[in-house]
Amino acid sequence: MNGKHYYVYILCNKRNGTLYTGITSNLIKCIWQHKNEAVEGFTKQYGLKCLVHFEQYQDVKEALLREKRIKKWNRQWKINLIEQNNPNWDDLYQKLV
C-alpha cells in the first residue's frame, strides 16, 4: 500500500442544477481549480463550483469503476446519492480546507 487515495466527486452549480461527476487523486487541488475556473471545459462552461458529494478509495480501479457507474446513472439516482449525506447541498469543500 502506498497510502495514495482517489476520490470520486460530484459538483453542481446550484441545488438540483447541473451535475458533474469526476475523479481525482488530489481532491482539494482539483476542487480549487474548478472553483477558480482554472480548468477549461464543461465545469467552467456551466459554473460547476460546489462540491456536494465525494467518496474516497485506495484502489484506483475501484474509483474509476465507481465514477463510470455514477456517470451512467439517471439524474434522480445522483440526486438521491447527494441527499443521503448532504440533504442541504452544502459545499463540502469548506470542510476540507
Protein backbone atom coordinates (compact mmCIF):
# COMPACT_ATOMS: atom_id res chain seq x y z
CA MET A 1 0.00 0.00 0.00
CA ASN A 2 1.38 3.37 -0.95
CA GLY A 3 -1.20 5.35 1.02
CA LYS A 4 -2.48 7.15 -2.07
CA HIS A 5 -6.17 7.98 -2.17
CA TYR A 6 -8.53 8.54 -5.06
CA TYR A 7 -11.76 10.50 -4.94
CA VAL A 8 -14.95 10.30 -6.93
CA TYR A 9 -16.80 13.59 -6.62
CA ILE A 10 -19.90 15.41 -7.78
CA LEU A 11 -20.04 19.15 -8.46
CA CYS A 12 -23.08 21.32 -9.10
CA ASN A 13 -23.87 24.96 -9.82
CA LYS A 14 -26.94 25.11 -7.55
CA ARG A 15 -29.31 22.77 -5.73
CA ASN A 16 -30.86 20.43 -8.30
CA GLY A 17 -28.82 22.18 -11.01
CA THR A 18 -26.33 20.82 -13.49
CA LEU A 19 -24.22 17.93 -12.14
CA TYR A 20 -20.72 16.75 -12.98
CA THR A 21 -19.03 13.56 -11.77
CA GLY A 22 -15.26 13.30 -11.79
CA ILE A 23 -12.27 11.52 -10.29
CA THR A 24 -9.01 12.83 -8.83
CA SER A 25 -6.11 11.87 -6.59
CA ASN A 26 -5.93 15.38 -5.08
CA LEU A 27 -9.42 16.49 -4.10
CA ILE A 28 -8.53 19.85 -2.56
CA LYS A 29 -6.42 20.94 -5.53
CA CYS A 30 -8.95 19.67 -8.06
CA ILE A 31 -11.91 21.47 -6.48
CA TRP A 32 -9.85 24.64 -6.04
CA GLN A 33 -9.13 24.53 -9.79
CA HIS A 34 -12.85 24.14 -10.58
CA LYS A 35 -13.78 26.98 -8.21
CA ASN A 36 -11.20 29.29 -9.78
CA GLU A 37 -12.11 28.28 -13.34
CA ALA A 38 -8.57 27.09 -13.98
CA VAL A 39 -9.87 24.12 -15.95
CA GLU A 40 -11.42 24.64 -19.37
CA GLY A 41 -14.43 22.58 -20.30
CA PHE A 42 -17.82 21.52 -19.03
CA THR A 43 -17.43 22.60 -15.40
CA LYS A 44 -16.23 26.09 -16.34
CA GLN A 45 -18.91 26.49 -19.00
CA TYR A 46 -21.72 25.67 -16.56
CA GLY A 47 -20.21 27.26 -13.43
CA LEU A 48 -19.92 23.99 -11.51
CA LYS A 49 -18.09 25.04 -8.34
CA CYS A 50 -19.97 23.46 -5.46
CA LEU A 51 -18.68 20.09 -4.15
CA VAL A 52 -21.80 18.26 -2.99
CA HIS A 53 -20.55 14.67 -2.78
CA PHE A 54 -17.29 12.75 -2.64
CA GLU A 55 -16.11 9.24 -1.89
CA GLN A 56 -12.58 8.10 -1.06
CA TYR A 57 -10.91 4.96 -2.42
CA GLN A 58 -7.48 3.38 -2.05
CA ASP A 59 -7.74 1.40 -5.29
CA VAL A 60 -7.72 3.49 -8.46
CA LYS A 61 -9.52 0.75 -10.41
CA GLU A 62 -12.35 0.72 -7.88
CA ALA A 63 -12.59 4.52 -8.03
CA LEU A 64 -12.66 4.53 -11.84
CA LEU A 65 -15.36 1.87 -11.88
CA ARG A 66 -17.46 3.86 -9.39
CA GLU A 67 -17.08 7.06 -11.43
CA LYS A 68 -18.16 5.28 -14.62
CA ARG A 69 -21.17 3.74 -12.87
CA ILE A 70 -22.33 7.05 -11.41
CA LYS A 71 -21.96 8.76 -14.79
CA LYS A 72 -24.33 6.18 -16.28
CA TRP A 73 -26.95 6.66 -13.56
CA ASN A 74 -30.09 8.61 -14.22
CA ARG A 75 -30.31 12.08 -12.72
CA GLN A 76 -32.62 11.13 -9.83
CA TRP A 77 -30.22 8.45 -8.59
CA LYS A 78 -27.44 11.04 -8.47
CA ILE A 79 -29.67 13.46 -6.57
CA ASN A 80 -30.58 10.69 -4.11
CA LEU A 81 -26.88 9.91 -3.59
CA ILE A 82 -26.13 13.56 -2.83
CA GLU A 83 -29.09 13.96 -0.49
CA GLN A 84 -28.28 10.81 1.54
CA ASN A 85 -25.31 12.54 3.18
CA ASN A 86 -25.76 16.17 2.16
CA PRO A 87 -29.50 16.98 2.22
CA ASN A 88 -28.88 20.75 2.15
CA TRP A 89 -26.47 20.56 -0.78
CA ASP A 90 -23.78 22.29 1.28
CA ASP A 91 -20.41 23.00 -0.33
CA LEU A 92 -18.26 20.26 1.22
CA TYR A 93 -15.06 21.94 0.03
CA GLN A 94 -15.23 24.28 3.02
CA LYS A 95 -14.94 21.27 5.35
CA LEU A 96 -11.81 20.03 3.53
CA VAL A 97 -9.74 23.22 3.78
